[in-house]
Every structure is written in C-alpha cells, then in structure tokens.
C-alpha cells in the first residue's frame, strides 16, 4: 500500500526538478545586469516581456540599448514585439542606433524591425552621436546625408551647430556636402565660423568647403 504514494512523491520530485527556480530579482534588475539565468526564469514563470519598466521602456529596448545580443535574441524568441514603442515612442531598433549599437540594430532588422534611415540619421545627429559605425550603418541602409529635418538642417549642419566635430568628420567621410546651406542661406563654413567652431571650420576647408 505504501508503494503508490512513494512513486507519486518521486514523480512530483522529478517534475519539480525539471523546472527552474522562481526569479530572485525583478525582471527590471535582471535586464540591467544582463543576467540571462534570471531573465529565463522570468520567461518560464510567465512574465510579460512586453510590459513597461519604471523608466517607460520595454525589455527589448533595455537589451537593445545596452548592446546585449544574447538577451535580444532570447526576448525575440519568446515573443517580444520587435516594433513596439517605448513610452517615448521609440522602437528598440531606434534605441539601438541612438545608443551606438549598430550590431543590435542589424539583428533587429533581420527580425523584421521597421527602419526609416533618413529620419533616424537626423535623430542620431540631434542626440549627439559620435559613433562612426552608426553613421556608416545608416548610410549603408539607405540614409541620405542631405536629408533635412523639420528645421531645414542636414545632419552635418546639426553637427556644426552642436560643435560635434567627430560627427561632422564621420559625415564628411561618408560624403556629406561640405558646401550645404541652411534654411537661412548660411553655408556650412560660414555657420561654423559664426559660431566660433574653428576645428569644424578647418575640417570643412580641408575637404573643399568654400568661404561664404
């Protein structure tokens, strides 16, 4: 009579051994740390991997912004919505680009993420990116260096206004027009000189910019 309960206990024990422990830290913290074990536990125990964290981001956005390839792949495998926006209306791909993670952006693109390379180039310039690989990645995926934002500035003009000489150099290296004019008719070189951004002015002259 004692054999049946004993077998039942053994079966229950084996079943329990087949499941991971419950998470011991929040999904928010696990994502911040890149703790794959804890993230997998959350997934197993039914966490909503598309919900917002206290900062208004979804798990995929956090993984993309921090450059965690394995975590991004894990989340996508388990149903993360590739184009779902965060509370700032940014997709995970956009976060990856703005944080200088073109490898992650490429991964998301392969999983069907949407991309508007022109507007993202302007956004990246406004965010002050200095990543050469981001500029190159956007250009390789169709961004026009002469596209203009709502104020009429190209990415190069934005870089000049912000005295972002690294971004200016990356844009010039990719073929940006050094003689571009802003909406008020100021040339790139004239704008750099007027703002006292001499290092950028020298770059522009070196690559053929004309004096206004």
Protein backbone atom coordinates (compact mmCIF):
# COMPACT_ATOMS: atom_id res chain seq x y z
CA UNK A 1 0.00 0.00 0.00
CA UNK A 2 2.94 2.30 0.57
CA UNK A 3 4.33 1.88 -2.96
CA UNK A 4 1.82 4.12 -4.72
CA UNK A 5 2.38 7.21 -2.53
CA UNK A 6 6.14 6.68 -2.77
CA UNK A 7 6.03 6.55 -6.57
CA UNK A 8 3.82 9.62 -6.58
CA UNK A 9 6.29 11.51 -4.42
CA UNK A 10 9.15 10.51 -6.72
CA UNK A 11 7.20 11.68 -9.76
CA UNK A 12 6.44 15.01 -8.10
CA UNK A 13 10.07 15.40 -7.14
CA UNK A 14 11.22 14.72 -10.69
CA UNK A 15 8.69 17.23 -12.04
CA UNK A 16 9.86 19.87 -9.61
CA UNK A 17 13.48 19.25 -10.55
CA UNK A 18 12.61 19.90 -14.19
CA UNK A 19 11.51 23.49 -13.52
CA UNK A 20 13.79 26.42 -12.84
CA UNK A 21 13.62 28.27 -9.57
CA UNK A 22 11.43 31.32 -9.42
CA UNK A 23 13.26 34.61 -10.08
CA UNK A 24 15.02 36.10 -7.11
CA UNK A 25 15.34 39.60 -8.59
CA UNK A 26 12.99 41.74 -10.67
CA UNK A 27 12.98 41.48 -14.45
CA UNK A 28 13.95 45.17 -14.50
CA UNK A 29 17.11 44.45 -12.49
CA UNK A 30 17.89 41.27 -14.40
CA UNK A 31 17.82 43.21 -17.66
CA UNK A 32 20.02 45.95 -16.24
CA UNK A 33 22.58 43.32 -15.21
CA UNK A 34 22.21 41.19 -18.31
CA UNK A 35 21.50 38.21 -16.03
CA UNK A 36 20.36 35.59 -18.52
CA UNK A 37 19.53 32.98 -15.87
CA UNK A 38 17.16 35.36 -14.09
CA UNK A 39 15.64 36.54 -17.38
CA UNK A 40 14.99 32.93 -18.40
CA UNK A 41 13.34 32.30 -15.05
CA UNK A 42 11.04 35.27 -15.58
CA UNK A 43 10.13 34.00 -19.03
CA UNK A 44 9.45 30.49 -17.72
CA UNK A 45 7.22 31.74 -14.93
CA UNK A 46 5.14 33.86 -17.26
CA UNK A 47 6.48 37.40 -17.00
CA UNK A 48 5.13 39.84 -19.57
CA UNK A 49 8.20 40.58 -21.66
CA UNK A 50 6.45 43.43 -23.45
CA UNK A 51 5.43 45.46 -20.41
CA UNK A 52 6.96 48.81 -19.50
CA UNK A 53 9.56 49.15 -16.76
CA UNK A 54 9.62 52.11 -14.32
CA UNK A 55 11.54 54.15 -16.90
CA UNK A 56 8.94 53.60 -19.61
CA UNK A 57 10.98 51.08 -21.58
CA UNK A 58 10.16 47.55 -22.63
CA UNK A 59 12.64 44.69 -22.02
CA UNK A 60 13.68 44.63 -25.66
CA UNK A 61 14.52 48.34 -25.54
CA UNK A 62 16.72 47.84 -22.50
CA UNK A 63 18.57 44.93 -24.08
CA UNK A 64 18.99 46.83 -27.36
CA UNK A 65 20.26 49.99 -25.70
CA UNK A 66 22.80 48.09 -23.60
CA UNK A 67 24.02 46.03 -26.54
CA UNK A 68 23.17 42.60 -25.13
CA UNK A 69 22.90 40.40 -28.23
CA UNK A 70 22.03 37.17 -26.41
CA UNK A 71 19.30 38.85 -24.39
CA UNK A 72 17.82 40.46 -27.50
CA UNK A 73 17.74 37.07 -29.23
CA UNK A 74 16.20 35.44 -26.16
CA UNK A 75 13.45 38.04 -25.90
CA UNK A 76 12.64 37.86 -29.60
CA UNK A 77 12.48 34.07 -29.41
CA UNK A 78 9.91 34.30 -26.65
CA UNK A 79 7.59 36.82 -28.22
CA UNK A 80 9.00 40.30 -27.70
CA UNK A 81 7.30 42.66 -30.16
CA UNK A 82 10.09 43.92 -32.38
CA UNK A 83 8.46 47.25 -33.30
CA UNK A 84 6.60 48.00 -30.07
CA UNK A 85 7.43 51.57 -28.98
CA UNK A 86 8.56 52.65 -25.55
CA UNK A 87 6.78 55.48 -23.74
CA UNK A 88 8.91 57.98 -25.67
CA UNK A 89 7.61 56.41 -28.90
CA UNK A 90 10.97 54.89 -29.81
CA UNK A 91 11.38 51.36 -31.15
CA UNK A 92 14.11 49.03 -29.95
CA UNK A 93 15.96 49.50 -33.24
CA UNK A 94 15.89 53.25 -32.81
CA UNK A 95 17.21 52.89 -29.26
CA UNK A 96 19.99 50.66 -30.53
CA UNK A 97 21.07 53.23 -33.13
CA UNK A 98 20.82 56.18 -30.73
CA UNK A 99 22.97 54.29 -28.19
CA UNK A 100 25.60 53.40 -30.79
CA UNK A 101 24.67 49.71 -31.20
CA UNK A 102 24.53 49.06 -34.97
CA UNK A 103 25.12 45.32 -34.46
CA UNK A 104 21.93 45.14 -32.41
CA UNK A 105 20.10 47.28 -34.96
CA UNK A 106 21.13 44.85 -37.69
CA UNK A 107 19.87 41.91 -35.64
CA UNK A 108 16.52 43.61 -35.08
CA UNK A 109 16.28 44.47 -38.76
CA UNK A 110 16.75 40.79 -39.62
CA UNK A 111 13.82 40.02 -37.33
CA UNK A 112 11.54 42.37 -39.22
CA UNK A 113 12.04 45.70 -37.44
CA UNK A 114 10.98 48.81 -39.34
CA UNK A 115 13.60 51.36 -40.34
CA UNK A 116 13.37 54.95 -41.60
CA UNK A 117 17.07 55.65 -42.18
CA UNK A 118 16.67 59.31 -43.15
CA UNK A 119 14.76 60.39 -40.06
CA UNK A 120 16.92 58.21 -37.82
CA UNK A 121 20.08 59.88 -39.15
CA UNK A 122 18.65 63.27 -38.19
CA UNK A 123 17.60 61.94 -34.80
CA UNK A 124 21.02 60.44 -34.19
CA UNK A 125 22.66 63.74 -35.07
CA UNK A 126 20.34 65.61 -32.72
CA UNK A 127 21.12 63.07 -29.99
CA UNK A 128 24.80 63.95 -30.41
CA UNK A 129 26.05 60.62 -31.66
CA UNK A 130 29.78 60.39 -32.26
CA UNK A 131 29.78 56.79 -33.47
CA UNK A 132 31.32 56.35 -36.91
CA UNK A 133 29.76 52.88 -37.25
CA UNK A 134 26.28 54.29 -36.65
CA UNK A 135 26.68 56.83 -39.46
CA UNK A 136 28.09 54.18 -41.77
CA UNK A 137 25.32 51.71 -40.88
CA UNK A 138 22.59 54.23 -41.61
CA UNK A 139 24.17 55.25 -44.91
CA UNK A 140 24.60 51.59 -45.87
CA UNK A 141 20.89 51.12 -45.21
CA UNK A 142 19.81 53.99 -47.40
CA UNK A 143 20.08 57.18 -45.37
CA UNK A 144 20.67 60.28 -47.45
CA UNK A 145 23.31 62.57 -45.97
CA UNK A 146 21.46 65.52 -47.48
CA UNK A 147 18.10 64.77 -45.89
CA UNK A 148 16.82 67.67 -43.79
CA UNK A 149 14.97 67.80 -40.52
CA UNK A 150 11.88 69.89 -39.87
CA UNK A 151 14.07 72.98 -39.30
CA UNK A 152 15.84 72.52 -42.62
CA UNK A 153 19.16 71.30 -41.22
CA UNK A 154 21.06 68.32 -42.55
CA UNK A 155 22.94 66.06 -40.14
CA UNK A 156 26.13 67.97 -40.94
CA UNK A 157 24.56 71.32 -40.11
CA UNK A 158 23.28 69.86 -36.84
CA UNK A 159 26.78 68.66 -36.01
CA UNK A 160 28.18 72.12 -36.76
CA UNK A 161 25.62 73.86 -34.54
CA UNK A 162 26.38 71.44 -31.70
CA UNK A 163 30.16 71.67 -32.23
CA UNK A 164 30.19 67.89 -32.65
CA UNK A 165 33.39 67.72 -34.63
CA UNK A 166 33.58 63.92 -34.53
CA UNK A 167 30.16 63.52 -36.06
CA UNK A 168 30.98 66.22 -38.62
CA UNK A 169 34.10 64.28 -39.64
CA UNK A 170 32.21 60.98 -39.92
CA UNK A 171 29.56 62.62 -42.09
CA UNK A 172 32.15 64.27 -44.30
CA UNK A 173 33.99 60.96 -44.65
CA UNK A 174 30.75 59.38 -45.84
CA UNK A 175 30.30 62.11 -48.46
CA UNK A 176 28.21 64.84 -46.85
CA UNK A 177 28.10 68.08 -48.84
CA UNK A 178 30.55 70.47 -47.16
CA UNK A 179 29.02 73.40 -49.05
CA UNK A 180 25.48 72.80 -47.86
CA UNK A 181 23.42 75.84 -46.80
CA UNK A 182 20.88 76.07 -44.00
CA UNK A 183 17.35 77.41 -44.38
CA UNK A 184 18.57 80.96 -43.73
CA UNK A 185 21.15 80.73 -46.51
CA UNK A 186 24.21 80.30 -44.29
CA UNK A 187 26.87 77.99 -45.68
CA UNK A 188 28.29 75.21 -43.54
CA UNK A 189 31.62 77.00 -43.30
CA UNK A 190 30.00 80.36 -42.59
CA UNK A 191 27.92 78.81 -39.83
CA UNK A 192 30.94 77.14 -38.23
CA UNK A 193 32.89 80.41 -38.29
CA UNK A 194 29.98 82.45 -36.95
CA UNK A 195 29.62 80.05 -34.03
CA UNK A 196 33.34 80.05 -33.32
CA UNK A 197 33.70 76.33 -34.03
CA UNK A 198 37.11 76.62 -35.61
CA UNK A 199 38.00 72.91 -35.52
CA UNK A 200 34.97 72.09 -37.63
CA UNK A 201 35.69 75.06 -39.89
CA UNK A 202 39.17 73.67 -40.52
CA UNK A 203 37.70 70.26 -41.35
CA UNK A 204 35.31 71.83 -43.81
CA UNK A 205 38.06 73.81 -45.52
CA UNK A 206 40.27 70.73 -45.71
CA UNK A 207 37.53 68.90 -47.59
CA UNK A 208 36.80 71.71 -50.03
CA UNK A 209 34.29 74.00 -48.35
CA UNK A 210 34.17 77.44 -49.89
CA UNK A 211 34.32 80.67 -47.92
CA UNK A 212 30.88 82.31 -47.70
